[in-house]
Amino acid sequence: MVRIKLTVVAAAALLWEASALPRKLDGVDRRQDLPPAEERAQAVVDAFRTAWAGYYKYAFPNDELKPVSNGYSNSR
């Protein structure tokens, strides 16, 4: 039991160290390559609306949309 706890603690320590890595690698700030947060958020909203429109058109009110065949299934 002690060995398992030490392994979990060691894994948590490794994850902590990985999250503390610097954001600049080779002197380049990788965050500058990202679009602004508003654009990224809008991209997520647009992707959700596209997915919802496909589901609503081809599968509503069933459980799942099968995107290749535009069919549906009820597995739940």
Protein backbone atom coordinates (compact mmCIF):
# COMPACT_ATOMS: atom_id res chain seq x y z
CA MET A 1 0.00 0.00 0.00
CA VAL A 2 2.83 2.41 0.81
CA ARG A 3 4.43 1.69 -2.55
CA ILE A 4 1.22 2.61 -4.41
CA LYS A 5 0.90 5.87 -2.49
CA LEU A 6 4.48 6.80 -3.31
CA THR A 7 3.86 6.07 -6.98
CA VAL A 8 0.80 8.32 -7.01
CA VAL A 9 2.74 11.06 -5.26
CA ALA A 10 5.62 10.68 -7.73
CA ALA A 11 3.21 10.89 -10.68
CA ALA A 12 1.60 14.01 -9.23
CA ALA A 13 5.03 15.57 -8.77
CA LEU A 14 5.94 14.84 -12.39
CA LEU A 15 2.70 16.39 -13.62
CA TRP A 16 3.35 19.44 -11.45
CA GLU A 17 6.83 19.84 -12.91
CA ALA A 18 5.51 19.48 -16.48
CA SER A 19 2.91 22.19 -15.89
CA ALA A 20 5.62 24.49 -14.58
CA LEU A 21 7.63 24.36 -17.81
CA PRO A 22 8.39 27.76 -19.29
CA ARG A 23 6.13 28.96 -22.06
CA LYS A 24 9.07 30.25 -24.04
CA LEU A 25 11.04 27.63 -25.91
CA ASP A 26 14.06 28.73 -27.93
CA GLY A 27 13.24 32.32 -27.02
CA VAL A 28 9.87 32.22 -28.82
CA ASP A 29 6.64 32.83 -26.93
CA ARG A 30 4.29 30.14 -28.30
CA ARG A 31 1.20 31.97 -27.02
CA GLN A 32 1.70 34.68 -29.66
CA ASP A 33 0.80 32.19 -32.38
CA LEU A 34 -2.72 31.76 -30.99
CA PRO A 35 -5.63 33.92 -32.14
CA PRO A 36 -7.28 36.08 -29.48
CA ALA A 37 -9.50 34.37 -26.92
CA GLU A 38 -12.67 35.87 -28.44
CA GLU A 39 -11.88 34.30 -31.83
CA ARG A 40 -11.15 30.90 -30.27
CA ALA A 41 -14.37 31.07 -28.26
CA GLN A 42 -16.35 32.00 -31.37
CA ALA A 43 -14.81 29.06 -33.24
CA VAL A 44 -16.06 26.70 -30.53
CA VAL A 45 -19.55 28.23 -30.70
CA ASP A 46 -19.57 27.91 -34.50
CA ALA A 47 -18.47 24.25 -34.35
CA PHE A 48 -21.21 23.47 -31.82
CA ARG A 49 -23.87 25.19 -33.90
CA THR A 50 -22.78 23.26 -37.02
CA ALA A 51 -22.93 19.96 -35.13
CA TRP A 52 -26.31 20.80 -33.61
CA ALA A 53 -27.76 21.78 -36.99
CA GLY A 54 -26.71 18.44 -38.49
CA TYR A 55 -28.12 16.51 -35.55
CA TYR A 56 -31.38 18.46 -35.61
CA LYS A 57 -31.81 18.03 -39.37
CA TYR A 58 -31.01 14.32 -39.65
CA ALA A 59 -31.41 12.66 -36.24
CA PHE A 60 -33.60 14.66 -33.86
CA PRO A 61 -35.16 13.37 -31.52
CA ASN A 62 -33.08 10.17 -31.66
CA ASP A 63 -29.95 9.51 -29.61
CA GLU A 64 -27.13 9.71 -32.11
CA LEU A 65 -26.36 11.02 -35.57
CA LYS A 66 -24.35 8.82 -37.91
CA PRO A 67 -22.54 11.51 -39.89
CA VAL A 68 -21.38 9.34 -42.80
CA SER A 69 -24.83 8.04 -43.69
CA ASN A 70 -26.83 10.91 -42.15
CA GLY A 71 -28.75 8.20 -40.30
CA TYR A 72 -29.41 7.82 -36.63
CA SER A 73 -29.36 5.24 -33.87
CA ASN A 74 -30.95 4.82 -30.45
CA SER A 75 -28.37 3.15 -28.23
CA ARG A 76 -29.51 4.72 -24.99
